[in-house]
Amino acid sequence: MAGIPRKAVILMVGAFAKAVTTLLNNTSVRNADTLLRLVRSRPPGVPLITVSNHMSTLDDPLLWGFKGFPITNSKLARWVLAAEDICFRNSLYSYFFRQGKCIPITRGAGIYQDHMSEALQRLSNGEWLHTFPEGKVNQEIAPIRRLKWGTASLIVRAPVTPIVLPIVHRGFQEVMPENYRSGRRPRFPLRNKNIDIIVGEPIEFDIAKLSRTATSMSHSLSFPAFGWPKLTRYELDEAAQKCLYMTISDQIRTAMQGLLSQTR
């Protein structure tokens, strides 16, 4: 019985996403097979992190509503980092989004906030986590912004290094514009818009090698101290962690920007 509420929420939200993305709008998806393969048949125990740009408040779940994606399967459904001040602002919202496999994140609270430990536990279990590393919605047609370090920190701290899959999209900002009428979003998603989704190729990180490089880099750089704990697995102090997270974030951003240049 414990899994019935989650199955019901995933089914309901999945049906909504399918209707909006597949039936009400015109959606093209490139390289979908790579995403489908990694969602359905990763090596046992290997987690998956998908990352994407953030163009509307409905990017998730609409991003997974394209034809052929098993969005109504609660076992295959992603976990996703979600803004606590938006998705968890009262008990009803909290229950709904929790059942929808959302993990609350307090923006600005840093990479060692409590709920990041929950995200890390999901990765430790070999599950799929989606993040929006830009940190907030941006509806301008512009280059990928500097990425927050939370995603990079999860990649480094996971017991098994996740497969990282970049995804970019355009069109959801027209389906759910921030400034539709009187500076507000529409009550319902708009229709007859063109949505373009591009799935990239998996990125594999050699964390041990990157850690050694980061340690060397940190000796010549200066960062403000936040009191982060040392990562004993790779012998990384706070300065070395920052260099490592910066390097990983830059690689992900470069991959995302390359995909973004292909969107229509």
C-alpha atoms as a PDB file:
ATOM      1  CA  MET A   1       0.000   0.000   0.000  1.00  0.00           C
ATOM      2  CA  ALA A   2       2.900   2.347   0.773  1.00  0.00           C
ATOM      3  CA  GLY A   3       3.739   2.802  -2.909  1.00  0.00           C
ATOM      4  CA  ILE A   4       0.207   3.531  -4.134  1.00  0.00           C
ATOM      5  CA  PRO A   5       0.215   7.329  -3.502  1.00  0.00           C
ATOM      6  CA  ARG A   6       3.517   7.680  -5.333  1.00  0.00           C
ATOM      7  CA  LYS A   7       2.315   5.600  -8.260  1.00  0.00           C
ATOM      8  CA  ALA A   8      -0.855   7.692  -8.442  1.00  0.00           C
ATOM      9  CA  VAL A   9       1.030  10.997  -8.435  1.00  0.00           C
ATOM     10  CA  ILE A  10       3.564   9.810 -11.016  1.00  0.00           C
ATOM     11  CA  LEU A  11       0.758   8.497 -13.229  1.00  0.00           C
ATOM     12  CA  MET A  12      -1.227  11.735 -12.973  1.00  0.00           C
ATOM     13  CA  VAL A  13       1.755  14.021 -13.558  1.00  0.00           C
ATOM     14  CA  GLY A  14       3.025  11.774 -16.346  1.00  0.00           C
ATOM     15  CA  ALA A  15      -0.322  11.876 -18.138  1.00  0.00           C
ATOM     16  CA  PHE A  16      -0.338  15.672 -17.830  1.00  0.00           C
ATOM     17  CA  ALA A  17       3.194  15.922 -19.257  1.00  0.00           C
ATOM     18  CA  LYS A  18       2.340  13.582 -22.144  1.00  0.00           C
ATOM     19  CA  ALA A  19      -0.729  15.628 -23.010  1.00  0.00           C
ATOM     20  CA  VAL A  20       1.100  18.971 -22.985  1.00  0.00           C
ATOM     21  CA  THR A  21       4.338  17.889 -24.626  1.00  0.00           C
ATOM     22  CA  THR A  22       3.056  15.343 -27.143  1.00  0.00           C
ATOM     23  CA  LEU A  23      -0.559  16.247 -27.916  1.00  0.00           C
ATOM     24  CA  LEU A  24      -0.913  19.999 -27.395  1.00  0.00           C
ATOM     25  CA  ASN A  25       2.483  21.120 -28.719  1.00  0.00           C
ATOM     26  CA  ASN A  26       4.940  20.207 -31.451  1.00  0.00           C
ATOM     27  CA  THR A  27       7.929  18.446 -29.913  1.00  0.00           C
ATOM     28  CA  SER A  28      11.090  17.147 -31.552  1.00  0.00           C
ATOM     29  CA  VAL A  29      13.646  15.094 -29.642  1.00  0.00           C
ATOM     30  CA  ARG A  30      17.130  14.249 -30.814  1.00  0.00           C
ATOM     31  CA  ASN A  31      19.188  11.346 -29.438  1.00  0.00           C
ATOM     32  CA  ALA A  32      16.323  10.151 -27.224  1.00  0.00           C
ATOM     33  CA  ASP A  33      17.616   6.564 -27.422  1.00  0.00           C
ATOM     34  CA  THR A  34      20.614   7.469 -25.273  1.00  0.00           C
ATOM     35  CA  LEU A  35      18.396   8.774 -22.488  1.00  0.00           C
ATOM     36  CA  LEU A  36      16.031   5.815 -22.740  1.00  0.00           C
ATOM     37  CA  ARG A  37      18.909   3.336 -22.585  1.00  0.00           C
ATOM     38  CA  LEU A  38      20.455   4.934 -19.502  1.00  0.00           C
ATOM     39  CA  VAL A  39      17.127   5.232 -17.704  1.00  0.00           C
ATOM     40  CA  ARG A  40      16.159   1.618 -18.398  1.00  0.00           C
ATOM     41  CA  SER A  41      19.396  -0.382 -18.359  1.00  0.00           C
ATOM     42  CA  ARG A  42      22.396   1.123 -16.596  1.00  0.00           C
ATOM     43  CA  PRO A  43      24.946  -1.235 -15.046  1.00  0.00           C
ATOM     44  CA  PRO A  44      23.741  -2.329 -11.579  1.00  0.00           C
ATOM     45  CA  GLY A  45      24.522   0.208  -8.885  1.00  0.00           C
ATOM     46  CA  VAL A  46      25.592   2.958 -11.280  1.00  0.00           C
ATOM     47  CA  PRO A  47      23.663   6.203 -10.733  1.00  0.00           C
ATOM     48  CA  LEU A  48      22.595   8.625 -13.442  1.00  0.00           C
ATOM     49  CA  ILE A  49      22.560  12.409 -13.215  1.00  0.00           C
ATOM     50  CA  THR A  50      20.824  14.303 -15.997  1.00  0.00           C
ATOM     51  CA  VAL A  51      21.374  18.055 -16.196  1.00  0.00           C
ATOM     52  CA  SER A  52      19.492  20.613 -18.243  1.00  0.00           C
ATOM     53  CA  ASN A  53      18.924  24.305 -18.734  1.00  0.00           C
ATOM     54  CA  HIS A  54      15.946  25.804 -16.922  1.00  0.00           C
ATOM     55  CA  MET A  55      13.514  27.791 -19.073  1.00  0.00           C
ATOM     56  CA  SER A  56      10.194  27.424 -17.249  1.00  0.00           C
ATOM     57  CA  THR A  57       8.615  26.237 -14.033  1.00  0.00           C
ATOM     58  CA  LEU A  58       7.209  23.261 -15.973  1.00  0.00           C
ATOM     59  CA  ASP A  59      10.485  22.030 -17.504  1.00  0.00           C
ATOM     60  CA  ASP A  60      10.082  19.093 -15.182  1.00  0.00           C
ATOM     61  CA  PRO A  61       7.833  17.163 -15.814  1.00  0.00           C
ATOM     62  CA  LEU A  62       7.231  18.342 -19.419  1.00  0.00           C
ATOM     63  CA  LEU A  63      10.791  17.449 -20.399  1.00  0.00           C
ATOM     64  CA  TRP A  64       9.933  13.766 -19.948  1.00  0.00           C
ATOM     65  CA  GLY A  65       6.569  13.898 -21.735  1.00  0.00           C
ATOM     66  CA  PHE A  66       7.834  13.136 -25.215  1.00  0.00           C
ATOM     67  CA  LYS A  67       6.592  10.132 -27.178  1.00  0.00           C
ATOM     68  CA  GLY A  68       8.147   6.844 -26.095  1.00  0.00           C
ATOM     69  CA  PHE A  69       9.412   7.939 -22.700  1.00  0.00           C
ATOM     70  CA  PRO A  70       8.133   5.820 -19.736  1.00  0.00           C
ATOM     71  CA  ILE A  71       7.107   8.831 -17.665  1.00  0.00           C
ATOM     72  CA  THR A  72       4.245   7.042 -15.891  1.00  0.00           C
ATOM     73  CA  ASN A  73       6.536   4.305 -14.485  1.00  0.00           C
ATOM     74  CA  SER A  74       7.188   5.268 -10.860  1.00  0.00           C
ATOM     75  CA  LYS A  75      10.151   2.902 -10.534  1.00  0.00           C
ATOM     76  CA  LEU A  76      11.954   4.453 -13.511  1.00  0.00           C
ATOM     77  CA  ALA A  77      10.981   8.037 -12.664  1.00  0.00           C
ATOM     78  CA  ARG A  78      13.745  10.481 -11.820  1.00  0.00           C
ATOM     79  CA  TRP A  79      14.386  12.128  -8.512  1.00  0.00           C
ATOM     80  CA  VAL A  80      14.725  15.881  -8.956  1.00  0.00           C
ATOM     81  CA  LEU A  81      16.063  18.751  -6.889  1.00  0.00           C
ATOM     82  CA  ALA A  82      13.222  21.265  -6.393  1.00  0.00           C
ATOM     83  CA  ALA A  83      13.158  24.738  -4.845  1.00  0.00           C
ATOM     84  CA  GLU A  84      11.868  24.511  -1.293  1.00  0.00           C
ATOM     85  CA  ASP A  85      10.293  27.989  -1.355  1.00  0.00           C
ATOM     86  CA  ILE A  86       8.177  27.094  -4.409  1.00  0.00           C
ATOM     87  CA  CYS A  87       7.372  23.383  -4.208  1.00  0.00           C
ATOM     88  CA  PHE A  88       7.319  22.873  -0.425  1.00  0.00           C
ATOM     89  CA  ARG A  89       5.678  26.061   0.851  1.00  0.00           C
ATOM     90  CA  ASN A  90       2.840  24.272   2.650  1.00  0.00           C
ATOM     91  CA  SER A  91       1.989  20.758   3.823  1.00  0.00           C
ATOM     92  CA  LEU A  92      -0.178  19.899   0.802  1.00  0.00           C
ATOM     93  CA  TYR A  93       2.496  20.931  -1.690  1.00  0.00           C
ATOM     94  CA  SER A  94       5.128  19.111   0.351  1.00  0.00           C
ATOM     95  CA  TYR A  95       3.165  15.865   0.305  1.00  0.00           C
ATOM     96  CA  PHE A  96       2.431  16.091  -3.412  1.00  0.00           C
ATOM     97  CA  PHE A  97       5.978  16.891  -4.511  1.00  0.00           C
ATOM     98  CA  ARG A  98       7.471  14.348  -2.131  1.00  0.00           C
ATOM     99  CA  GLN A  99       5.287  11.673  -3.698  1.00  0.00           C
ATOM    100  CA  GLY A 100       6.480  12.956  -7.068  1.00  0.00           C
ATOM    101  CA  LYS A 101      10.088  12.140  -6.090  1.00  0.00           C
ATOM    102  CA  CYS A 102      11.180  15.738  -5.520  1.00  0.00           C
ATOM    103  CA  ILE A 103      13.913  16.630  -3.036  1.00  0.00           C
ATOM    104  CA  PRO A 104      13.649  20.093  -1.446  1.00  0.00           C
ATOM    105  CA  ILE A 105      16.640  22.378  -1.858  1.00  0.00           C
ATOM    106  CA  THR A 106      17.046  25.759  -0.203  1.00  0.00           C
ATOM    107  CA  ARG A 107      18.599  28.065  -2.765  1.00  0.00           C
ATOM    108  CA  GLY A 108      21.629  29.834  -1.360  1.00  0.00           C
ATOM    109  CA  ALA A 109      22.071  27.401   1.552  1.00  0.00           C
ATOM    110  CA  GLY A 110      25.160  25.774   0.042  1.00  0.00           C
ATOM    111  CA  ILE A 111      26.233  22.340  -1.073  1.00  0.00           C
ATOM    112  CA  TYR A 112      26.321  20.827   2.412  1.00  0.00           C
ATOM    113  CA  GLN A 113      22.709  21.589   3.360  1.00  0.00           C
ATOM    114  CA  ASP A 114      20.739  18.682   4.851  1.00  0.00           C
ATOM    115  CA  HIS A 115      18.720  17.685   1.797  1.00  0.00           C
ATOM    116  CA  MET A 116      21.839  17.353  -0.352  1.00  0.00           C
ATOM    117  CA  SER A 117      22.563  14.332   1.823  1.00  0.00           C
ATOM    118  CA  GLU A 118      19.236  12.874   0.709  1.00  0.00           C
ATOM    119  CA  ALA A 119      20.146  13.438  -2.940  1.00  0.00           C
ATOM    120  CA  LEU A 120      23.496  11.782  -2.274  1.00  0.00           C
ATOM    121  CA  GLN A 121      21.729   8.791  -0.739  1.00  0.00           C
ATOM    122  CA  ARG A 122      19.617   8.368  -3.885  1.00  0.00           C
ATOM    123  CA  LEU A 123      22.798   8.303  -5.958  1.00  0.00           C
ATOM    124  CA  SER A 124      24.334   5.839  -3.506  1.00  0.00           C
ATOM    125  CA  ASN A 125      21.392   3.551  -4.281  1.00  0.00           C
ATOM    126  CA  GLY A 126      22.172   3.733  -8.010  1.00  0.00           C
ATOM    127  CA  GLU A 127      19.122   5.865  -8.824  1.00  0.00           C
ATOM    128  CA  TRP A 128      18.473   8.628 -11.363  1.00  0.00           C
ATOM    129  CA  LEU A 129      18.628  12.265 -10.288  1.00  0.00           C
ATOM    130  CA  HIS A 130      17.842  15.305 -12.423  1.00  0.00           C
ATOM    131  CA  THR A 131      19.209  18.758 -11.627  1.00  0.00           C
ATOM    132  CA  PHE A 132      18.981  22.265 -13.029  1.00  0.00           C
ATOM    133  CA  PRO A 133      22.532  23.443 -12.318  1.00  0.00           C
ATOM    134  CA  GLU A 134      21.860  27.018 -13.470  1.00  0.00           C
ATOM    135  CA  GLY A 135      19.850  27.302 -10.254  1.00  0.00           C
ATOM    136  CA  LYS A 136      16.777  29.179 -11.449  1.00  0.00           C
ATOM    137  CA  VAL A 137      14.502  29.796 -14.432  1.00  0.00           C
ATOM    138  CA  ASN A 138      15.873  31.990 -17.216  1.00  0.00           C
ATOM    139  CA  GLN A 139      13.599  32.552 -20.213  1.00  0.00           C
ATOM    140  CA  GLU A 140      16.035  34.618 -22.241  1.00  0.00           C
ATOM    141  CA  ILE A 141      17.526  33.026 -25.346  1.00  0.00           C
ATOM    142  CA  ALA A 142      21.065  33.278 -24.053  1.00  0.00           C
ATOM    143  CA  PRO A 143      24.172  31.157 -23.404  1.00  0.00           C
ATOM    144  CA  ILE A 144      24.162  28.711 -20.506  1.00  0.00           C
ATOM    145  CA  ARG A 145      24.873  30.634 -17.326  1.00  0.00           C
ATOM    146  CA  ARG A 146      27.612  29.798 -14.853  1.00  0.00           C
ATOM    147  CA  LEU A 147      26.596  26.578 -13.111  1.00  0.00           C
ATOM    148  CA  LYS A 148      26.131  26.233  -9.376  1.00  0.00           C
ATOM    149  CA  TRP A 149      28.483  23.750  -7.740  1.00  0.00           C
ATOM    150  CA  GLY A 150      25.839  21.524  -6.132  1.00  0.00           C
ATOM    151  CA  THR A 151      25.651  19.084  -9.034  1.00  0.00           C
ATOM    152  CA  ALA A 152      29.448  18.821  -9.255  1.00  0.00           C
ATOM    153  CA  SER A 153      29.649  18.146  -5.523  1.00  0.00           C
ATOM    154  CA  LEU A 154      27.166  15.265  -5.843  1.00  0.00           C
ATOM    155  CA  ILE A 155      29.193  13.782  -8.700  1.00  0.00           C
ATOM    156  CA  VAL A 156      32.335  13.881  -6.567  1.00  0.00           C
ATOM    157  CA  ARG A 157      30.799  12.677  -3.298  1.00  0.00           C
ATOM    158  CA  ALA A 158      28.765   9.773  -4.725  1.00  0.00           C
ATOM    159  CA  PRO A 159      30.305   6.394  -3.754  1.00  0.00           C
ATOM    160  CA  VAL A 160      30.026   5.288  -7.399  1.00  0.00           C
ATOM    161  CA  THR A 161      30.719   8.088  -9.875  1.00  0.00           C
ATOM    162  CA  PRO A 162      27.464   8.803 -11.736  1.00  0.00           C
ATOM    163  CA  ILE A 163      27.017   8.830 -15.475  1.00  0.00           C
ATOM    164  CA  VAL A 164      26.288  12.457 -16.353  1.00  0.00           C
ATOM    165  CA  LEU A 165      23.976  13.165 -19.285  1.00  0.00           C
ATOM    166  CA  PRO A 166      23.508  16.748 -20.535  1.00  0.00           C
ATOM    167  CA  ILE A 167      20.170  17.782 -22.047  1.00  0.00           C
ATOM    168  CA  VAL A 168      19.105  21.131 -23.449  1.00  0.00           C
ATOM    169  CA  HIS A 169      15.747  22.379 -24.639  1.00  0.00           C
ATOM    170  CA  ARG A 170      13.947  25.374 -26.056  1.00  0.00           C
ATOM    171  CA  GLY A 171      10.235  26.047 -26.263  1.00  0.00           C
ATOM    172  CA  PHE A 172       8.993  25.475 -22.716  1.00  0.00           C
ATOM    173  CA  GLN A 173       9.447  29.204 -22.079  1.00  0.00           C
ATOM    174  CA  GLU A 174       6.645  29.733 -24.611  1.00  0.00           C
ATOM    175  CA  VAL A 175       4.467  26.999 -23.122  1.00  0.00           C
ATOM    176  CA  MET A 176       4.700  28.560 -19.647  1.00  0.00           C
ATOM    177  CA  PRO A 177       5.960  32.156 -20.006  1.00  0.00           C
ATOM    178  CA  GLU A 178       6.808  34.024 -16.808  1.00  0.00           C
ATOM    179  CA  ASN A 179       5.314  37.300 -18.086  1.00  0.00           C
ATOM    180  CA  TYR A 180       2.163  36.311 -19.941  1.00  0.00           C
ATOM    181  CA  ARG A 181      -0.467  38.787 -18.833  1.00  0.00           C
ATOM    182  CA  SER A 182       0.032  41.450 -16.191  1.00  0.00           C
ATOM    183  CA  GLY A 183       3.442  39.990 -15.429  1.00  0.00           C
ATOM    184  CA  ARG A 184       2.035  36.590 -14.449  1.00  0.00           C
ATOM    185  CA  ARG A 185       2.224  33.064 -15.789  1.00  0.00           C
ATOM    186  CA  PRO A 186      -0.821  31.639 -17.600  1.00  0.00           C
ATOM    187  CA  ARG A 187      -3.156  29.487 -15.508  1.00  0.00           C
ATOM    188  CA  PHE A 188      -2.674  26.589 -17.914  1.00  0.00           C
ATOM    189  CA  PRO A 189       0.158  25.636 -20.316  1.00  0.00           C
ATOM    190  CA  LEU A 190      -0.135  27.214 -23.740  1.00  0.00           C
ATOM    191  CA  ARG A 191      -0.491  25.128 -26.894  1.00  0.00           C
ATOM    192  CA  ASN A 192       0.737  24.961 -30.485  1.00  0.00           C
ATOM    193  CA  LYS A 193       4.296  25.874 -29.537  1.00  0.00           C
ATOM    194  CA  ASN A 194       7.474  24.330 -30.933  1.00  0.00           C
ATOM    195  CA  ILE A 195       9.597  22.437 -28.411  1.00  0.00           C
ATOM    196  CA  ASP A 196      13.105  21.242 -29.231  1.00  0.00           C
ATOM    197  CA  ILE A 197      14.886  18.762 -26.930  1.00  0.00           C
ATOM    198  CA  ILE A 198      18.453  17.596 -27.533  1.00  0.00           C
ATOM    199  CA  VAL A 199      19.993  14.792 -25.492  1.00  0.00           C
ATOM    200  CA  GLY A 200      23.775  14.817 -25.448  1.00  0.00           C
ATOM    201  CA  GLU A 201      26.284  12.033 -24.951  1.00  0.00           C
ATOM    202  CA  PRO A 202      27.239  10.694 -21.507  1.00  0.00           C
ATOM    203  CA  ILE A 203      30.088  12.400 -19.696  1.00  0.00           C
ATOM    204  CA  GLU A 204      32.332  10.200 -17.572  1.00  0.00           C
ATOM    205  CA  PHE A 205      34.564  11.855 -14.991  1.00  0.00           C
ATOM    206  CA  ASP A 206      37.822  10.426 -13.652  1.00  0.00           C
ATOM    207  CA  ILE A 207      37.435  11.934 -10.196  1.00  0.00           C
ATOM    208  CA  ALA A 208      40.765  10.674  -8.833  1.00  0.00           C
ATOM    209  CA  LYS A 209      42.694  12.270 -11.694  1.00  0.00           C
ATOM    210  CA  LEU A 210      40.691  15.483 -11.563  1.00  0.00           C
ATOM    211  CA  SER A 211      41.218  15.644  -7.787  1.00  0.00           C
ATOM    212  CA  ARG A 212      44.980  15.568  -8.158  1.00  0.00           C
ATOM    213  CA  THR A 213      44.822  18.392 -10.685  1.00  0.00           C
ATOM    214  CA  ALA A 214      42.480  20.373  -8.444  1.00  0.00           C
ATOM    215  CA  THR A 215      44.814  20.004  -5.484  1.00  0.00           C
ATOM    216  CA  SER A 216      47.677  21.410  -7.542  1.00  0.00           C
ATOM    217  CA  MET A 217      45.495  24.279  -8.802  1.00  0.00           C
ATOM    218  CA  SER A 218      44.352  25.189  -5.313  1.00  0.00           C
ATOM    219  CA  HIS A 219      47.877  26.077  -4.209  1.00  0.00           C
ATOM    220  CA  SER A 220      47.907  29.112  -6.507  1.00  0.00           C
ATOM    221  CA  LEU A 221      44.309  30.293  -6.043  1.00  0.00           C
ATOM    222  CA  SER A 222      42.484  32.034  -3.213  1.00  0.00           C
ATOM    223  CA  PHE A 223      38.842  31.483  -2.235  1.00  0.00           C
ATOM    224  CA  PRO A 224      36.724  32.760   0.666  1.00  0.00           C
ATOM    225  CA  ALA A 225      36.394  30.054   3.326  1.00  0.00           C
ATOM    226  CA  PHE A 226      32.961  28.531   4.054  1.00  0.00           C
ATOM    227  CA  GLY A 227      34.038  25.903   6.579  1.00  0.00           C
ATOM    228  CA  TRP A 228      33.469  22.861   4.372  1.00  0.00           C
ATOM    229  CA  PRO A 229      34.557  19.480   5.758  1.00  0.00           C
ATOM    230  CA  LYS A 230      37.533  17.745   4.187  1.00  0.00           C
ATOM    231  CA  LEU A 231      36.740  15.020   1.639  1.00  0.00           C
ATOM    232  CA  THR A 232      38.929  12.258   3.001  1.00  0.00           C
ATOM    233  CA  ARG A 233      38.279   9.903   0.081  1.00  0.00           C
ATOM    234  CA  TYR A 234      40.300  12.120  -2.237  1.00  0.00           C
ATOM    235  CA  GLU A 235      42.173  14.109   0.442  1.00  0.00           C
ATOM    236  CA  LEU A 236      40.549  17.353  -0.690  1.00  0.00           C
ATOM    237  CA  ASP A 237      40.497  20.410   1.522  1.00  0.00           C
ATOM    238  CA  GLU A 238      37.998  23.192   0.882  1.00  0.00           C
ATOM    239  CA  ALA A 239      40.137  25.047  -1.661  1.00  0.00           C
ATOM    240  CA  ALA A 240      40.798  21.872  -3.657  1.00  0.00           C
ATOM    241  CA  GLN A 241      37.090  20.998  -3.609  1.00  0.00           C
ATOM    242  CA  LYS A 242      36.238  24.390  -5.061  1.00  0.00           C
ATOM    243  CA  CYS A 243      38.787  23.948  -7.845  1.00  0.00           C
ATOM    244  CA  LEU A 244      37.388  20.493  -8.581  1.00  0.00           C
ATOM    245  CA  TYR A 245      33.755  21.619  -8.594  1.00  0.00           C
ATOM    246  CA  MET A 246      34.651  24.540 -10.838  1.00  0.00           C
ATOM    247  CA  THR A 247      36.402  22.238 -13.307  1.00  0.00           C
ATOM    248  CA  ILE A 248      33.545  19.727 -13.440  1.00  0.00           C
ATOM    249  CA  SER A 249      30.924  22.473 -13.730  1.00  0.00           C
ATOM    250  CA  ASP A 250      32.827  24.086 -16.593  1.00  0.00           C
ATOM    251  CA  GLN A 251      32.965  20.768 -18.471  1.00  0.00           C
ATOM    252  CA  ILE A 252      29.234  20.241 -18.055  1.00  0.00           C
ATOM    253  CA  ARG A 253      28.477  23.815 -19.070  1.00  0.00           C
ATOM    254  CA  THR A 254      30.638  23.454 -22.207  1.00  0.00           C
ATOM    255  CA  ALA A 255      28.743  20.287 -23.178  1.00  0.00           C
ATOM    256  CA  MET A 256      25.389  21.976 -22.595  1.00  0.00           C
ATOM    257  CA  GLN A 257      26.405  25.050 -24.563  1.00  0.00           C
ATOM    258  CA  GLY A 258      27.449  22.853 -27.481  1.00  0.00           C
ATOM    259  CA  LEU A 259      23.999  21.271 -27.504  1.00  0.00           C
ATOM    260  CA  LEU A 260      22.271  24.622 -27.128  1.00  0.00           C
ATOM    261  CA  SER A 261      23.931  25.874 -30.307  1.00  0.00           C
ATOM    262  CA  GLN A 262      22.088  23.083 -32.178  1.00  0.00           C
ATOM    263  CA  THR A 263      18.591  24.054 -31.020  1.00  0.00           C
ATOM    264  CA  ARG A 264      16.183  25.704 -33.395  1.00  0.00           C
END
